[in-house]
Amino acid sequence: MSVFMVERDLKGIAMEDLAGAQKAAIGKAGEMRQGGSDIRYIRTTFAPEDGRCMCLFEAESDSDVRRLNDEAGLPYSRIVPAMDLTPQG
């Protein structure tokens, strides 16, 4: 499995809408896993000052991540391979 970063421009989004988008991503990942896709939502980082949002997913391919976001109706500017460097401990 690889990690992919989804970049979004969400300038001006209300916090409740941001929470709804996160729930949609988590829910769609669960649906896709039940359907046989190996995909997992990791986390989101949001910078409210300029609306930049980065979401991390673990998946077999970027096409699975693209499908998740498209089916969940979540906007994105690009999807790129990434490394999750969160310390484990």
PDB file of N, CA and C in Angstrom:
ATOM      1  N   MET A   1       0.846  -1.180   0.000  1.00  0.00           N
ATOM      2  CA  MET A   1       0.000   0.000   0.000  1.00  0.00           C
ATOM      3  C   MET A   1       0.884   1.234   0.000  1.00  0.00           C
ATOM      4  N   SER A   2       0.399   2.268  -0.657  1.00  0.00           N
ATOM      5  CA  SER A   2       1.107   3.540  -0.743  1.00  0.00           C
ATOM      6  C   SER A   2       0.266   4.634  -0.111  1.00  0.00           C
ATOM      7  N   VAL A   3       0.912   5.740   0.211  1.00  0.00           N
ATOM      8  CA  VAL A   3       0.214   6.905   0.751  1.00  0.00           C
ATOM      9  C   VAL A   3       0.073   7.936  -0.362  1.00  0.00           C
ATOM     10  N   PHE A   4      -1.100   8.554  -0.433  1.00  0.00           N
ATOM     11  CA  PHE A   4      -1.374   9.594  -1.417  1.00  0.00           C
ATOM     12  C   PHE A   4      -1.925  10.818  -0.700  1.00  0.00           C
ATOM     13  N   MET A   5      -1.497  11.990  -1.167  1.00  0.00           N
ATOM     14  CA  MET A   5      -1.988  13.249  -0.628  1.00  0.00           C
ATOM     15  C   MET A   5      -2.950  13.876  -1.628  1.00  0.00           C
ATOM     16  N   VAL A   6      -4.113  14.246  -1.131  1.00  0.00           N
ATOM     17  CA  VAL A   6      -5.113  14.935  -1.933  1.00  0.00           C
ATOM     18  C   VAL A   6      -5.060  16.408  -1.543  1.00  0.00           C
ATOM     19  N   GLU A   7      -4.771  17.253  -2.523  1.00  0.00           N
ATOM     20  CA  GLU A   7      -4.703  18.696  -2.278  1.00  0.00           C
ATOM     21  C   GLU A   7      -6.033  19.326  -2.671  1.00  0.00           C
ATOM     22  N   ARG A   8      -6.533  20.195  -1.782  1.00  0.00           N
ATOM     23  CA  ARG A   8      -7.809  20.867  -2.021  1.00  0.00           C
ATOM     24  C   ARG A   8      -7.667  22.361  -1.744  1.00  0.00           C
ATOM     25  N   ASP A   9      -8.431  23.152  -2.465  1.00  0.00           N
ATOM     26  CA  ASP A   9      -8.537  24.578  -2.187  1.00  0.00           C
ATOM     27  C   ASP A   9      -9.931  24.809  -1.628  1.00  0.00           C
ATOM     28  N   LEU A  10     -10.020  25.054  -0.326  1.00  0.00           N
ATOM     29  CA  LEU A  10     -11.313  25.186   0.345  1.00  0.00           C
ATOM     30  C   LEU A  10     -11.456  26.554   1.008  1.00  0.00           C
ATOM     31  N   LYS A  11     -10.882  27.569   0.403  1.00  0.00           N
ATOM     32  CA  LYS A  11     -10.950  28.913   0.978  1.00  0.00           C
ATOM     33  C   LYS A  11     -12.408  29.311   1.204  1.00  0.00           C
ATOM     34  N   GLY A  12     -12.688  29.771   2.416  1.00  0.00           N
ATOM     35  CA  GLY A  12     -14.030  30.230   2.755  1.00  0.00           C
ATOM     36  C   GLY A  12     -14.985  29.142   3.210  1.00  0.00           C
ATOM     37  N   ILE A  13     -14.528  27.902   3.300  1.00  0.00           N
ATOM     38  CA  ILE A  13     -15.423  26.814   3.713  1.00  0.00           C
ATOM     39  C   ILE A  13     -15.789  26.975   5.190  1.00  0.00           C
ATOM     40  N   ALA A  14     -17.032  26.718   5.509  1.00  0.00           N
ATOM     41  CA  ALA A  14     -17.489  26.733   6.897  1.00  0.00           C
ATOM     42  C   ALA A  14     -16.975  25.484   7.605  1.00  0.00           C
ATOM     43  N   MET A  15     -16.698  25.608   8.888  1.00  0.00           N
ATOM     44  CA  MET A  15     -16.141  24.482   9.639  1.00  0.00           C
ATOM     45  C   MET A  15     -17.082  23.274   9.626  1.00  0.00           C
ATOM     46  N   GLU A  16     -18.390  23.497   9.654  1.00  0.00           N
ATOM     47  CA  GLU A  16     -19.313  22.359   9.618  1.00  0.00           C
ATOM     48  C   GLU A  16     -19.270  21.663   8.253  1.00  0.00           C
ATOM     49  N   ASP A  17     -19.025  22.434   7.190  1.00  0.00           N
ATOM     50  CA  ASP A  17     -18.888  21.825   5.865  1.00  0.00           C
ATOM     51  C   ASP A  17     -17.577  21.043   5.760  1.00  0.00           C
ATOM     52  N   LEU A  18     -16.532  21.563   6.385  1.00  0.00           N
ATOM     53  CA  LEU A  18     -15.258  20.843   6.406  1.00  0.00           C
ATOM     54  C   LEU A  18     -15.419  19.519   7.151  1.00  0.00           C
ATOM     55  N   ALA A  19     -16.110  19.556   8.283  1.00  0.00           N
ATOM     56  CA  ALA A  19     -16.363  18.320   9.043  1.00  0.00           C
ATOM     57  C   ALA A  19     -17.193  17.340   8.213  1.00  0.00           C
ATOM     58  N   GLY A  20     -18.165  17.858   7.469  1.00  0.00           N
ATOM     59  CA  GLY A  20     -18.982  16.996   6.610  1.00  0.00           C
ATOM     60  C   GLY A  20     -18.168  16.343   5.507  1.00  0.00           C
ATOM     61  N   ALA A  21     -17.233  17.102   4.940  1.00  0.00           N
ATOM     62  CA  ALA A  21     -16.367  16.548   3.896  1.00  0.00           C
ATOM     63  C   ALA A  21     -15.487  15.443   4.460  1.00  0.00           C
ATOM     64  N   GLN A  22     -14.971  15.655   5.667  1.00  0.00           N
ATOM     65  CA  GLN A  22     -14.140  14.635   6.303  1.00  0.00           C
ATOM     66  C   GLN A  22     -14.966  13.368   6.556  1.00  0.00           C
ATOM     67  N   LYS A  23     -16.171  13.535   7.054  1.00  0.00           N
ATOM     68  CA  LYS A  23     -17.042  12.378   7.291  1.00  0.00           C
ATOM     69  C   LYS A  23     -17.345  11.652   5.987  1.00  0.00           C
ATOM     70  N   ALA A  24     -17.543  12.409   4.900  1.00  0.00           N
ATOM     71  CA  ALA A  24     -17.826  11.791   3.598  1.00  0.00           C
ATOM     72  C   ALA A  24     -16.639  10.958   3.128  1.00  0.00           C
ATOM     73  N   ALA A  25     -15.422  11.474   3.322  1.00  0.00           N
ATOM     74  CA  ALA A  25     -14.219  10.736   2.920  1.00  0.00           C
ATOM     75  C   ALA A  25     -14.074   9.458   3.734  1.00  0.00           C
ATOM     76  N   ILE A  26     -14.279   9.566   5.034  1.00  0.00           N
ATOM     77  CA  ILE A  26     -14.172   8.392   5.905  1.00  0.00           C
ATOM     78  C   ILE A  26     -15.233   7.358   5.543  1.00  0.00           C
ATOM     79  N   GLY A  27     -16.461   7.813   5.345  1.00  0.00           N
ATOM     80  CA  GLY A  27     -17.550   6.907   5.000  1.00  0.00           C
ATOM     81  C   GLY A  27     -17.338   6.216   3.669  1.00  0.00           C
ATOM     82  N   LYS A  28     -16.896   6.970   2.658  1.00  0.00           N
ATOM     83  CA  LYS A  28     -16.663   6.381   1.336  1.00  0.00           C
ATOM     84  C   LYS A  28     -15.522   5.377   1.392  1.00  0.00           C
ATOM     85  N   ALA A  29     -14.476   5.662   2.177  1.00  0.00           N
ATOM     86  CA  ALA A  29     -13.371   4.704   2.325  1.00  0.00           C
ATOM     87  C   ALA A  29     -13.894   3.397   2.920  1.00  0.00           C
ATOM     88  N   GLY A  30     -14.774   3.496   3.908  1.00  0.00           N
ATOM     89  CA  GLY A  30     -15.366   2.295   4.505  1.00  0.00           C
ATOM     90  C   GLY A  30     -16.193   1.510   3.501  1.00  0.00           C
ATOM     91  N   GLU A  31     -16.992   2.213   2.704  1.00  0.00           N
ATOM     92  CA  GLU A  31     -17.790   1.550   1.661  1.00  0.00           C
ATOM     93  C   GLU A  31     -16.887   0.837   0.654  1.00  0.00           C
ATOM     94  N   MET A  32     -15.828   1.525   0.250  1.00  0.00           N
ATOM     95  CA  MET A  32     -14.931   0.937  -0.748  1.00  0.00           C
ATOM     96  C   MET A  32     -14.210  -0.291  -0.186  1.00  0.00           C
ATOM     97  N   ARG A  33     -13.835  -0.248   1.102  1.00  0.00           N
ATOM     98  CA  ARG A  33     -13.204  -1.427   1.727  1.00  0.00           C
ATOM     99  C   ARG A  33     -14.172  -2.597   1.739  1.00  0.00           C
ATOM    100  N   GLN A  34     -15.427  -2.327   2.076  1.00  0.00           N
ATOM    101  CA  GLN A  34     -16.432  -3.397   2.078  1.00  0.00           C
ATOM    102  C   GLN A  34     -16.625  -3.963   0.675  1.00  0.00           C
ATOM    103  N   GLY A  35     -16.383  -3.137  -0.340  1.00  0.00           N
ATOM    104  CA  GLY A  35     -16.502  -3.580  -1.730  1.00  0.00           C
ATOM    105  C   GLY A  35     -15.240  -4.221  -2.272  1.00  0.00           C
ATOM    106  N   GLY A  36     -14.211  -4.337  -1.431  1.00  0.00           N
ATOM    107  CA  GLY A  36     -12.999  -5.031  -1.843  1.00  0.00           C
ATOM    108  C   GLY A  36     -11.796  -4.167  -2.158  1.00  0.00           C
ATOM    109  N   SER A  37     -11.940  -2.845  -2.120  1.00  0.00           N
ATOM    110  CA  SER A  37     -10.791  -1.960  -2.360  1.00  0.00           C
ATOM    111  C   SER A  37     -10.010  -1.779  -1.064  1.00  0.00           C
ATOM    112  N   ASP A  38      -8.701  -1.838  -1.171  1.00  0.00           N
ATOM    113  CA  ASP A  38      -7.846  -1.674   0.005  1.00  0.00           C
ATOM    114  C   ASP A  38      -7.471  -0.197   0.113  1.00  0.00           C
ATOM    115  N   ILE A  39      -8.292   0.578   0.825  1.00  0.00           N
ATOM    116  CA  ILE A  39      -8.082   2.021   0.954  1.00  0.00           C
ATOM    117  C   ILE A  39      -8.430   2.454   2.369  1.00  0.00           C
ATOM    118  N   ARG A  40      -7.682   3.439   2.864  1.00  0.00           N
ATOM    119  CA  ARG A  40      -7.903   3.911   4.232  1.00  0.00           C
ATOM    120  C   ARG A  40      -7.663   5.416   4.294  1.00  0.00           C
ATOM    121  N   TYR A  41      -8.585   6.136   4.908  1.00  0.00           N
ATOM    122  CA  TYR A  41      -8.404   7.555   5.199  1.00  0.00           C
ATOM    123  C   TYR A  41      -7.441   7.656   6.370  1.00  0.00           C
ATOM    124  N   ILE A  42      -6.424   8.509   6.276  1.00  0.00           N
ATOM    125  CA  ILE A  42      -5.473   8.682   7.371  1.00  0.00           C
ATOM    126  C   ILE A  42      -5.801   9.926   8.194  1.00  0.00           C
ATOM    127  N   ARG A  43      -5.763  11.104   7.547  1.00  0.00           N
ATOM    128  CA  ARG A  43      -6.056  12.340   8.257  1.00  0.00           C
ATOM    129  C   ARG A  43      -6.106  13.511   7.294  1.00  0.00           C
ATOM    130  N   THR A  44      -6.576  14.654   7.827  1.00  0.00           N
ATOM    131  CA  THR A  44      -6.651  15.900   7.075  1.00  0.00           C
ATOM    132  C   THR A  44      -5.925  16.993   7.847  1.00  0.00           C
ATOM    133  N   THR A  45      -5.221  17.838   7.110  1.00  0.00           N
ATOM    134  CA  THR A  45      -4.634  19.050   7.667  1.00  0.00           C
ATOM    135  C   THR A  45      -5.209  20.220   6.882  1.00  0.00           C
ATOM    136  N   PHE A  46      -5.713  21.226   7.618  1.00  0.00           N
ATOM    137  CA  PHE A  46      -6.371  22.369   6.983  1.00  0.00           C
ATOM    138  C   PHE A  46      -5.746  23.659   7.477  1.00  0.00           C
ATOM    139  N   ALA A  47      -5.425  24.555   6.551  1.00  0.00           N
ATOM    140  CA  ALA A  47      -4.901  25.878   6.879  1.00  0.00           C
ATOM    141  C   ALA A  47      -5.997  26.897   6.561  1.00  0.00           C
ATOM    142  N   PRO A  48      -6.778  27.325   7.557  1.00  0.00           N
ATOM    143  CA  PRO A  48      -7.933  28.183   7.295  1.00  0.00           C
ATOM    144  C   PRO A  48      -7.577  29.547   6.709  1.00  0.00           C
ATOM    145  N   GLU A  49      -6.390  30.050   6.979  1.00  0.00           N
ATOM    146  CA  GLU A  49      -6.017  31.369   6.487  1.00  0.00           C
ATOM    147  C   GLU A  49      -6.061  31.461   4.969  1.00  0.00           C
ATOM    148  N   ASP A  50      -5.589  30.410   4.308  1.00  0.00           N
ATOM    149  CA  ASP A  50      -5.612  30.450   2.836  1.00  0.00           C
ATOM    150  C   ASP A  50      -6.439  29.329   2.210  1.00  0.00           C
ATOM    151  N   GLY A  51      -7.093  28.503   3.019  1.00  0.00           N
ATOM    152  CA  GLY A  51      -7.981  27.478   2.511  1.00  0.00           C
ATOM    153  C   GLY A  51      -7.309  26.221   1.992  1.00  0.00           C
ATOM    154  N   ARG A  52      -5.993  26.102   2.213  1.00  0.00           N
ATOM    155  CA  ARG A  52      -5.318  24.884   1.751  1.00  0.00           C
ATOM    156  C   ARG A  52      -5.696  23.715   2.651  1.00  0.00           C
ATOM    157  N   CYS A  53      -5.960  22.601   2.001  1.00  0.00           N
ATOM    158  CA  CYS A  53      -6.355  21.392   2.710  1.00  0.00           C
ATOM    159  C   CYS A  53      -5.616  20.213   2.091  1.00  0.00           C
ATOM    160  N   MET A  54      -4.989  19.399   2.926  1.00  0.00           N
ATOM    161  CA  MET A  54      -4.294  18.212   2.476  1.00  0.00           C
ATOM    162  C   MET A  54      -4.851  17.004   3.231  1.00  0.00           C
ATOM    163  N   CYS A  55      -5.305  16.033   2.470  1.00  0.00           N
ATOM    164  CA  CYS A  55      -5.839  14.812   3.051  1.00  0.00           C
ATOM    165  C   CYS A  55      -4.946  13.647   2.647  1.00  0.00           C
ATOM    166  N   LEU A  56      -4.638  12.793   3.604  1.00  0.00           N
ATOM    167  CA  LEU A  56      -3.819  11.616   3.324  1.00  0.00           C
ATOM    168  C   LEU A  56      -4.678  10.360   3.302  1.00  0.00           C
ATOM    169  N   PHE A  57      -4.402   9.516   2.317  1.00  0.00           N
ATOM    170  CA  PHE A  57      -5.066   8.228   2.179  1.00  0.00           C
ATOM    171  C   PHE A  57      -4.010   7.164   1.940  1.00  0.00           C
ATOM    172  N   GLU A  58      -4.276   5.974   2.409  1.00  0.00           N
ATOM    173  CA  GLU A  58      -3.443   4.823   2.094  1.00  0.00           C
ATOM    174  C   GLU A  58      -4.252   3.972   1.124  1.00  0.00           C
ATOM    175  N   ALA A  59      -3.638   3.622  -0.006  1.00  0.00           N
ATOM    176  CA  ALA A  59      -4.372   2.880  -1.032  1.00  0.00           C
ATOM    177  C   ALA A  59      -3.401   2.134  -1.938  1.00  0.00           C
ATOM    178  N   GLU A  60      -3.951   1.243  -2.744  1.00  0.00           N
ATOM    179  CA  GLU A  60      -3.152   0.504  -3.718  1.00  0.00           C
ATOM    180  C   GLU A  60      -2.728   1.402  -4.878  1.00  0.00           C
ATOM    181  N   SER A  61      -3.586   2.383  -5.244  1.00  0.00           N
ATOM    182  CA  SER A  61      -3.277   3.227  -6.400  1.00  0.00           C
ATOM    183  C   SER A  61      -3.937   4.589  -6.262  1.00  0.00           C
ATOM    184  N   ASP A  62      -3.410   5.556  -7.014  1.00  0.00           N
ATOM    185  CA  ASP A  62      -4.026   6.881  -7.012  1.00  0.00           C
ATOM    186  C   ASP A  62      -5.410   6.841  -7.653  1.00  0.00           C
ATOM    187  N   SER A  63      -5.663   5.874  -8.524  1.00  0.00           N
ATOM    188  CA  SER A  63      -6.990   5.788  -9.139  1.00  0.00           C
ATOM    189  C   SER A  63      -8.055   5.438  -8.099  1.00  0.00           C
ATOM    190  N   ASP A  64      -7.716   4.633  -7.089  1.00  0.00           N
ATOM    191  CA  ASP A  64      -8.664   4.348  -6.002  1.00  0.00           C
ATOM    192  C   ASP A  64      -8.961   5.618  -5.211  1.00  0.00           C
ATOM    193  N   VAL A  65      -7.938   6.419  -4.954  1.00  0.00           N
ATOM    194  CA  VAL A  65      -8.118   7.671  -4.204  1.00  0.00           C
ATOM    195  C   VAL A  65      -8.953   8.654  -5.027  1.00  0.00           C
ATOM    196  N   ARG A  66      -8.689   8.726  -6.316  1.00  0.00           N
ATOM    197  CA  ARG A  66      -9.455   9.595  -7.206  1.00  0.00           C
ATOM    198  C   ARG A  66     -10.927   9.159  -7.212  1.00  0.00           C
ATOM    199  N   ARG A  67     -11.154   7.851  -7.324  1.00  0.00           N
ATOM    200  CA  ARG A  67     -12.529   7.331  -7.331  1.00  0.00           C
ATOM    201  C   ARG A  67     -13.246   7.683  -6.029  1.00  0.00           C
ATOM    202  N   LEU A  68     -12.581   7.513  -4.897  1.00  0.00           N
ATOM    203  CA  LEU A  68     -13.178   7.839  -3.608  1.00  0.00           C
ATOM    204  C   LEU A  68     -13.641   9.294  -3.581  1.00  0.00           C
ATOM    205  N   ASN A  69     -12.759  10.213  -3.963  1.00  0.00           N
ATOM    206  CA  ASN A  69     -13.092  11.636  -3.920  1.00  0.00           C
ATOM    207  C   ASN A  69     -14.170  12.000  -4.923  1.00  0.00           C
ATOM    208  N   ASP A  70     -14.114  11.418  -6.116  1.00  0.00           N
ATOM    209  CA  ASP A  70     -15.141  11.685  -7.127  1.00  0.00           C
ATOM    210  C   ASP A  70     -16.505  11.192  -6.653  1.00  0.00           C
ATOM    211  N   GLU A  71     -16.562   9.975  -6.148  1.00  0.00           N
ATOM    212  CA  GLU A  71     -17.836   9.403  -5.715  1.00  0.00           C
ATOM    213  C   GLU A  71     -18.382  10.103  -4.474  1.00  0.00           C
ATOM    214  N   ALA A  72     -17.499  10.613  -3.625  1.00  0.00           N
ATOM    215  CA  ALA A  72     -17.938  11.336  -2.429  1.00  0.00           C
ATOM    216  C   ALA A  72     -18.280  12.790  -2.748  1.00  0.00           C
ATOM    217  N   GLY A  73     -18.002  13.228  -3.983  1.00  0.00           N
ATOM    218  CA  GLY A  73     -18.302  14.597  -4.379  1.00  0.00           C
ATOM    219  C   GLY A  73     -17.386  15.625  -3.737  1.00  0.00           C
ATOM    220  N   LEU A  74     -16.139  15.225  -3.459  1.00  0.00           N
ATOM    221  CA  LEU A  74     -15.185  16.116  -2.794  1.00  0.00           C
ATOM    222  C   LEU A  74     -14.249  16.746  -3.821  1.00  0.00           C
ATOM    223  N   PRO A  75     -14.127  18.073  -3.814  1.00  0.00           N
ATOM    224  CA  PRO A  75     -13.264  18.737  -4.790  1.00  0.00           C
ATOM    225  C   PRO A  75     -11.786  18.515  -4.462  1.00  0.00           C
ATOM    226  N   TYR A  76     -10.960  18.491  -5.491  1.00  0.00           N
ATOM    227  CA  TYR A  76      -9.516  18.385  -5.292  1.00  0.00           C
ATOM    228  C   TYR A  76      -8.812  18.990  -6.495  1.00  0.00           C
ATOM    229  N   SER A  77      -7.598  19.465  -6.251  1.00  0.00           N
ATOM    230  CA  SER A  77      -6.813  20.023  -7.354  1.00  0.00           C
ATOM    231  C   SER A  77      -5.835  19.005  -7.904  1.00  0.00           C
ATOM    232  N   ARG A  78      -5.321  18.140  -7.038  1.00  0.00           N
ATOM    233  CA  ARG A  78      -4.453  17.066  -7.522  1.00  0.00           C
ATOM    234  C   ARG A  78      -4.276  16.003  -6.449  1.00  0.00           C
ATOM    235  N   ILE A  79      -3.825  14.845  -6.901  1.00  0.00           N
ATOM    236  CA  ILE A  79      -3.532  13.701  -6.034  1.00  0.00           C
ATOM    237  C   ILE A  79      -2.122  13.269  -6.359  1.00  0.00           C
ATOM    238  N   VAL A  80      -1.265  13.227  -5.336  1.00  0.00           N
ATOM    239  CA  VAL A  80       0.139  12.898  -5.553  1.00  0.00           C
ATOM    240  C   VAL A  80       0.608  11.858  -4.530  1.00  0.00           C
ATOM    241  N   PRO A  81       1.591  11.031  -4.912  1.00  0.00           N
ATOM    242  CA  PRO A  81       2.194  10.128  -3.937  1.00  0.00           C
ATOM    243  C   PRO A  81       2.829  10.944  -2.821  1.00  0.00           C
ATOM    244  N   ALA A  82       2.787  10.431  -1.605  1.00  0.00           N
ATOM    245  CA  ALA A  82       3.306  11.167  -0.444  1.00  0.00           C
ATOM    246  C   ALA A  82       3.935  10.184   0.544  1.00  0.00           C
ATOM    247  N   MET A  83       4.575  10.738   1.556  1.00  0.00           N
ATOM    248  CA  MET A  83       5.116   9.936   2.649  1.00  0.00           C
ATOM    249  C   MET A  83       4.504  10.454   3.941  1.00  0.00           C
ATOM    250  N   ASP A  84       3.951   9.586   4.730  1.00  0.00           N
ATOM    251  CA  ASP A  84       3.404   9.947   6.038  1.00  0.00           C
ATOM    252  C   ASP A  84       4.525   9.801   7.052  1.00  0.00           C
ATOM    253  N   LEU A  85       5.015  10.905   7.576  1.00  0.00           N
ATOM    254  CA  LEU A  85       6.167  10.895   8.487  1.00  0.00           C
ATOM    255  C   LEU A  85       5.766  11.103   9.934  1.00  0.00           C
ATOM    256  N   THR A  86       4.521  10.771  10.279  1.00  0.00           N
ATOM    257  CA  THR A  86       4.068  10.889  11.656  1.00  0.00           C
ATOM    258  C   THR A  86       4.871   9.921  12.524  1.00  0.00           C
ATOM    259  N   PRO A  87       5.480  10.434  13.610  1.00  0.00           N
ATOM    260  CA  PRO A  87       6.241   9.538  14.488  1.00  0.00           C
ATOM    261  C   PRO A  87       5.327   8.508  15.149  1.00  0.00           C
ATOM    262  N   GLN A  88       5.786   7.313  15.215  1.00  0.00           N
ATOM    263  CA  GLN A  88       5.039   6.247  15.897  1.00  0.00           C
ATOM    264  C   GLN A  88       5.584   6.128  17.313  1.00  0.00           C
ATOM    265  N   GLY A  89       4.725   6.070  18.273  1.00  0.00           N
ATOM    266  CA  GLY A  89       5.270   5.959  19.610  1.00  0.00           C
ATOM    267  C   GLY A  89       4.243   5.961  20.601  1.00  0.00           C
TER     268      GLY A  89
END
